[in-house]
Amino acid sequence: MRIFLRSEEDIRRQVTDEVLVGALGLPSDAVAVFVRDGVVTLKGCLERRSDVPLAIRSA
């Protein structure tokens, strides 16, 4: 199972890079990403309300 373990920093970086910047086209600092015990929390505002569900599902 160790192969599936990732650090919280790795998860945070992936959500920021692939979801927020890559998929949504946001600046990397537009939404704060926190990871604790494998749970991702997003904090911030998006210009389009329709991007919120995508950000949540993708994270």
PDB file of N, CA and C in Angstrom:
ATOM      1  N   MET A   1       0.819  -1.195   0.000  1.00  0.00           N
ATOM      2  CA  MET A   1       0.000   0.000   0.000  1.00  0.00           C
ATOM      3  C   MET A   1       0.865   1.262   0.000  1.00  0.00           C
ATOM      4  N   ARG A   2       2.100   1.159   0.400  1.00  0.00           N
ATOM      5  CA  ARG A   2       2.963   2.338   0.480  1.00  0.00           C
ATOM      6  C   ARG A   2       3.062   3.056  -0.865  1.00  0.00           C
ATOM      7  N   ILE A   3       2.936   2.311  -1.962  1.00  0.00           N
ATOM      8  CA  ILE A   3       3.049   2.932  -3.282  1.00  0.00           C
ATOM      9  C   ILE A   3       1.958   3.981  -3.508  1.00  0.00           C
ATOM     10  N   PHE A   4       0.827   3.839  -2.816  1.00  0.00           N
ATOM     11  CA  PHE A   4      -0.272   4.769  -2.996  1.00  0.00           C
ATOM     12  C   PHE A   4      -0.207   5.973  -2.061  1.00  0.00           C
ATOM     13  N   LEU A   5       0.712   5.954  -1.118  1.00  0.00           N
ATOM     14  CA  LEU A   5       0.831   7.060  -0.179  1.00  0.00           C
ATOM     15  C   LEU A   5       1.560   8.222  -0.829  1.00  0.00           C
ATOM     16  N   ARG A   6       0.983   9.408  -0.681  1.00  0.00           N
ATOM     17  CA  ARG A   6       1.617  10.617  -1.201  1.00  0.00           C
ATOM     18  C   ARG A   6       1.611  11.648  -0.091  1.00  0.00           C
ATOM     19  N   SER A   7       2.579  12.525  -0.145  1.00  0.00           N
ATOM     20  CA  SER A   7       2.625  13.566   0.879  1.00  0.00           C
ATOM     21  C   SER A   7       1.512  14.586   0.628  1.00  0.00           C
ATOM     22  N   GLU A   8       1.157  15.274   1.682  1.00  0.00           N
ATOM     23  CA  GLU A   8       0.133  16.320   1.549  1.00  0.00           C
ATOM     24  C   GLU A   8       0.601  17.409   0.596  1.00  0.00           C
ATOM     25  N   GLU A   9       1.888  17.690   0.596  1.00  0.00           N
ATOM     26  CA  GLU A   9       2.437  18.695  -0.323  1.00  0.00           C
ATOM     27  C   GLU A   9       2.302  18.244  -1.779  1.00  0.00           C
ATOM     28  N   ASP A  10       2.512  16.961  -2.044  1.00  0.00           N
ATOM     29  CA  ASP A  10       2.331  16.443  -3.407  1.00  0.00           C
ATOM     30  C   ASP A  10       0.882  16.581  -3.865  1.00  0.00           C
ATOM     31  N   ILE A  11      -0.044  16.273  -2.981  1.00  0.00           N
ATOM     32  CA  ILE A  11      -1.470  16.395  -3.309  1.00  0.00           C
ATOM     33  C   ILE A  11      -1.817  17.861  -3.554  1.00  0.00           C
ATOM     34  N   ARG A  12      -1.359  18.745  -2.675  1.00  0.00           N
ATOM     35  CA  ARG A  12      -1.634  20.173  -2.830  1.00  0.00           C
ATOM     36  C   ARG A  12      -1.091  20.690  -4.155  1.00  0.00           C
ATOM     37  N   ARG A  13       0.119  20.304  -4.475  1.00  0.00           N
ATOM     38  CA  ARG A  13       0.753  20.755  -5.723  1.00  0.00           C
ATOM     39  C   ARG A  13      -0.018  20.244  -6.936  1.00  0.00           C
ATOM     40  N   GLN A  14      -0.464  18.994  -6.902  1.00  0.00           N
ATOM     41  CA  GLN A  14      -1.201  18.435  -8.031  1.00  0.00           C
ATOM     42  C   GLN A  14      -2.540  19.142  -8.221  1.00  0.00           C
ATOM     43  N   VAL A  15      -3.259  19.396  -7.139  1.00  0.00           N
ATOM     44  CA  VAL A  15      -4.537  20.100  -7.247  1.00  0.00           C
ATOM     45  C   VAL A  15      -4.310  21.507  -7.814  1.00  0.00           C
ATOM     46  N   THR A  16      -3.298  22.190  -7.317  1.00  0.00           N
ATOM     47  CA  THR A  16      -3.007  23.542  -7.809  1.00  0.00           C
ATOM     48  C   THR A  16      -2.628  23.514  -9.282  1.00  0.00           C
ATOM     49  N   ASP A  17      -1.671  22.676  -9.644  1.00  0.00           N
ATOM     50  CA  ASP A  17      -1.143  22.662 -11.008  1.00  0.00           C
ATOM     51  C   ASP A  17      -2.115  22.093 -12.032  1.00  0.00           C
ATOM     52  N   GLU A  18      -2.716  20.945 -11.726  1.00  0.00           N
ATOM     53  CA  GLU A  18      -3.546  20.259 -12.715  1.00  0.00           C
ATOM     54  C   GLU A  18      -4.995  20.752 -12.743  1.00  0.00           C
ATOM     55  N   VAL A  19      -5.555  21.060 -11.577  1.00  0.00           N
ATOM     56  CA  VAL A  19      -6.965  21.450 -11.529  1.00  0.00           C
ATOM     57  C   VAL A  19      -7.122  22.950 -11.687  1.00  0.00           C
ATOM     58  N   LEU A  20      -6.538  23.706 -10.777  1.00  0.00           N
ATOM     59  CA  LEU A  20      -6.773  25.147 -10.779  1.00  0.00           C
ATOM     60  C   LEU A  20      -6.109  25.844 -11.966  1.00  0.00           C
ATOM     61  N   VAL A  21      -4.840  25.567 -12.187  1.00  0.00           N
ATOM     62  CA  VAL A  21      -4.123  26.225 -13.287  1.00  0.00           C
ATOM     63  C   VAL A  21      -4.424  25.531 -14.614  1.00  0.00           C
ATOM     64  N   GLY A  22      -4.265  24.205 -14.652  1.00  0.00           N
ATOM     65  CA  GLY A  22      -4.429  23.471 -15.905  1.00  0.00           C
ATOM     66  C   GLY A  22      -5.853  23.439 -16.427  1.00  0.00           C
ATOM     67  N   ALA A  23      -6.793  22.965 -15.627  1.00  0.00           N
ATOM     68  CA  ALA A  23      -8.173  22.786 -16.091  1.00  0.00           C
ATOM     69  C   ALA A  23      -8.990  24.073 -16.069  1.00  0.00           C
ATOM     70  N   LEU A  24      -8.790  24.892 -15.046  1.00  0.00           N
ATOM     71  CA  LEU A  24      -9.613  26.097 -14.909  1.00  0.00           C
ATOM     72  C   LEU A  24      -8.916  27.358 -15.406  1.00  0.00           C
ATOM     73  N   GLY A  25      -7.626  27.285 -15.666  1.00  0.00           N
ATOM     74  CA  GLY A  25      -6.903  28.439 -16.185  1.00  0.00           C
ATOM     75  C   GLY A  25      -6.740  29.575 -15.193  1.00  0.00           C
ATOM     76  N   LEU A  26      -6.696  29.247 -13.916  1.00  0.00           N
ATOM     77  CA  LEU A  26      -6.565  30.266 -12.876  1.00  0.00           C
ATOM     78  C   LEU A  26      -5.098  30.508 -12.544  1.00  0.00           C
ATOM     79  N   PRO A  27      -4.789  31.678 -12.003  1.00  0.00           N
ATOM     80  CA  PRO A  27      -3.438  31.882 -11.477  1.00  0.00           C
ATOM     81  C   PRO A  27      -3.230  30.923 -10.298  1.00  0.00           C
ATOM     82  N   SER A  28      -2.007  30.518 -10.070  1.00  0.00           N
ATOM     83  CA  SER A  28      -1.738  29.519  -9.032  1.00  0.00           C
ATOM     84  C   SER A  28      -2.107  29.987  -7.630  1.00  0.00           C
ATOM     85  N   ASP A  29      -2.224  31.291  -7.415  1.00  0.00           N
ATOM     86  CA  ASP A  29      -2.565  31.799  -6.088  1.00  0.00           C
ATOM     87  C   ASP A  29      -4.023  32.253  -5.976  1.00  0.00           C
ATOM     88  N   ALA A  30      -4.849  31.926  -6.963  1.00  0.00           N
ATOM     89  CA  ALA A  30      -6.251  32.366  -6.962  1.00  0.00           C
ATOM     90  C   ALA A  30      -7.075  31.680  -5.877  1.00  0.00           C
ATOM     91  N   VAL A  31      -6.770  30.433  -5.602  1.00  0.00           N
ATOM     92  CA  VAL A  31      -7.501  29.650  -4.606  1.00  0.00           C
ATOM     93  C   VAL A  31      -6.464  28.975  -3.709  1.00  0.00           C
ATOM     94  N   ALA A  32      -6.649  29.102  -2.414  1.00  0.00           N
ATOM     95  CA  ALA A  32      -5.755  28.446  -1.465  1.00  0.00           C
ATOM     96  C   ALA A  32      -6.147  26.976  -1.360  1.00  0.00           C
ATOM     97  N   VAL A  33      -5.148  26.112  -1.385  1.00  0.00           N
ATOM     98  CA  VAL A  33      -5.373  24.671  -1.293  1.00  0.00           C
ATOM     99  C   VAL A  33      -4.710  24.170  -0.010  1.00  0.00           C
ATOM    100  N   PHE A  34      -5.512  23.548   0.834  1.00  0.00           N
ATOM    101  CA  PHE A  34      -5.017  22.976   2.078  1.00  0.00           C
ATOM    102  C   PHE A  34      -5.277  21.480   2.056  1.00  0.00           C
ATOM    103  N   VAL A  35      -4.328  20.694   2.535  1.00  0.00           N
ATOM    104  CA  VAL A  35      -4.500  19.242   2.610  1.00  0.00           C
ATOM    105  C   VAL A  35      -4.122  18.801   4.015  1.00  0.00           C
ATOM    106  N   ARG A  36      -5.031  18.072   4.633  1.00  0.00           N
ATOM    107  CA  ARG A  36      -4.760  17.534   5.962  1.00  0.00           C
ATOM    108  C   ARG A  36      -5.350  16.139   6.051  1.00  0.00           C
ATOM    109  N   ASP A  37      -4.527  15.184   6.381  1.00  0.00           N
ATOM    110  CA  ASP A  37      -4.948  13.780   6.472  1.00  0.00           C
ATOM    111  C   ASP A  37      -5.616  13.308   5.180  1.00  0.00           C
ATOM    112  N   GLY A  38      -5.115  13.791   4.032  1.00  0.00           N
ATOM    113  CA  GLY A  38      -5.633  13.379   2.734  1.00  0.00           C
ATOM    114  C   GLY A  38      -6.895  14.087   2.286  1.00  0.00           C
ATOM    115  N   VAL A  39      -7.409  15.007   3.084  1.00  0.00           N
ATOM    116  CA  VAL A  39      -8.621  15.750   2.734  1.00  0.00           C
ATOM    117  C   VAL A  39      -8.208  17.107   2.182  1.00  0.00           C
ATOM    118  N   VAL A  40      -8.724  17.429   0.986  1.00  0.00           N
ATOM    119  CA  VAL A  40      -8.395  18.686   0.323  1.00  0.00           C
ATOM    120  C   VAL A  40      -9.473  19.722   0.631  1.00  0.00           C
ATOM    121  N   THR A  41      -9.029  20.912   1.025  1.00  0.00           N
ATOM    122  CA  THR A  41      -9.931  22.031   1.263  1.00  0.00           C
ATOM    123  C   THR A  41      -9.510  23.174   0.356  1.00  0.00           C
ATOM    124  N   LEU A  42     -10.473  23.740  -0.366  1.00  0.00           N
ATOM    125  CA  LEU A  42     -10.224  24.870  -1.247  1.00  0.00           C
ATOM    126  C   LEU A  42     -10.842  26.111  -0.624  1.00  0.00           C
ATOM    127  N   LYS A  43     -10.107  27.223  -0.663  1.00  0.00           N
ATOM    128  CA  LYS A  43     -10.615  28.461  -0.080  1.00  0.00           C
ATOM    129  C   LYS A  43     -10.304  29.607  -1.033  1.00  0.00           C
ATOM    130  N   GLY A  44     -11.353  30.305  -1.447  1.00  0.00           N
ATOM    131  CA  GLY A  44     -11.158  31.432  -2.350  1.00  0.00           C
ATOM    132  C   GLY A  44     -12.425  31.714  -3.134  1.00  0.00           C
ATOM    133  N   CYS A  45     -12.303  32.578  -4.112  1.00  0.00           N
ATOM    134  CA  CYS A  45     -13.436  32.964  -4.953  1.00  0.00           C
ATOM    135  C   CYS A  45     -13.092  32.711  -6.413  1.00  0.00           C
ATOM    136  N   LEU A  46     -14.070  32.244  -7.156  1.00  0.00           N
ATOM    137  CA  LEU A  46     -13.912  32.042  -8.586  1.00  0.00           C
ATOM    138  C   LEU A  46     -14.806  33.022  -9.328  1.00  0.00           C
ATOM    139  N   GLU A  47     -14.383  33.431 -10.506  1.00  0.00           N
ATOM    140  CA  GLU A  47     -15.179  34.378 -11.285  1.00  0.00           C
ATOM    141  C   GLU A  47     -16.491  33.759 -11.740  1.00  0.00           C
ATOM    142  N   ARG A  48     -16.446  32.500 -12.140  1.00  0.00           N
ATOM    143  CA  ARG A  48     -17.652  31.839 -12.638  1.00  0.00           C
ATOM    144  C   ARG A  48     -18.133  30.805 -11.638  1.00  0.00           C
ATOM    145  N   ARG A  49     -19.358  30.933 -11.252  1.00  0.00           N
ATOM    146  CA  ARG A  49     -19.959  29.980 -10.322  1.00  0.00           C
ATOM    147  C   ARG A  49     -19.933  28.565 -10.889  1.00  0.00           C
ATOM    148  N   SER A  50     -20.027  28.448 -12.196  1.00  0.00           N
ATOM    149  CA  SER A  50     -20.038  27.126 -12.840  1.00  0.00           C
ATOM    150  C   SER A  50     -18.715  26.389 -12.677  1.00  0.00           C
ATOM    151  N   ASP A  51     -17.638  27.085 -12.326  1.00  0.00           N
ATOM    152  CA  ASP A  51     -16.339  26.431 -12.104  1.00  0.00           C
ATOM    153  C   ASP A  51     -16.243  25.764 -10.734  1.00  0.00           C
ATOM    154  N   VAL A  52     -17.108  26.120  -9.816  1.00  0.00           N
ATOM    155  CA  VAL A  52     -17.028  25.575  -8.456  1.00  0.00           C
ATOM    156  C   VAL A  52     -17.220  24.055  -8.432  1.00  0.00           C
ATOM    157  N   PRO A  53     -18.279  23.502  -9.053  1.00  0.00           N
ATOM    158  CA  PRO A  53     -18.431  22.048  -9.022  1.00  0.00           C
ATOM    159  C   PRO A  53     -17.261  21.308  -9.678  1.00  0.00           C
ATOM    160  N   LEU A  54     -16.719  21.858 -10.763  1.00  0.00           N
ATOM    161  CA  LEU A  54     -15.588  21.237 -11.430  1.00  0.00           C
ATOM    162  C   LEU A  54     -14.371  21.215 -10.520  1.00  0.00           C
ATOM    163  N   ALA A  55     -14.111  22.312  -9.851  1.00  0.00           N
ATOM    164  CA  ALA A  55     -12.974  22.385  -8.929  1.00  0.00           C
ATOM    165  C   ALA A  55     -13.130  21.367  -7.797  1.00  0.00           C
ATOM    166  N   ILE A  56     -14.333  21.267  -7.268  1.00  0.00           N
ATOM    167  CA  ILE A  56     -14.585  20.347  -6.152  1.00  0.00           C
ATOM    168  C   ILE A  56     -14.429  18.899  -6.598  1.00  0.00           C
ATOM    169  N   ARG A  57     -15.055  18.529  -7.712  1.00  0.00           N
ATOM    170  CA  ARG A  57     -14.964  17.135  -8.194  1.00  0.00           C
ATOM    171  C   ARG A  57     -13.527  16.769  -8.551  1.00  0.00           C
ATOM    172  N   SER A  58     -12.831  17.681  -9.180  1.00  0.00           N
ATOM    173  CA  SER A  58     -11.470  17.391  -9.625  1.00  0.00           C
ATOM    174  C   SER A  58     -10.486  17.289  -8.472  1.00  0.00           C
ATOM    175  N   ALA A  59     -10.710  18.073  -7.447  1.00  0.00           N
ATOM    176  CA  ALA A  59      -9.809  18.030  -6.288  1.00  0.00           C
ATOM    177  C   ALA A  59      -9.955  16.719  -5.559  1.00  0.00           C
TER     178      ALA A  59
END
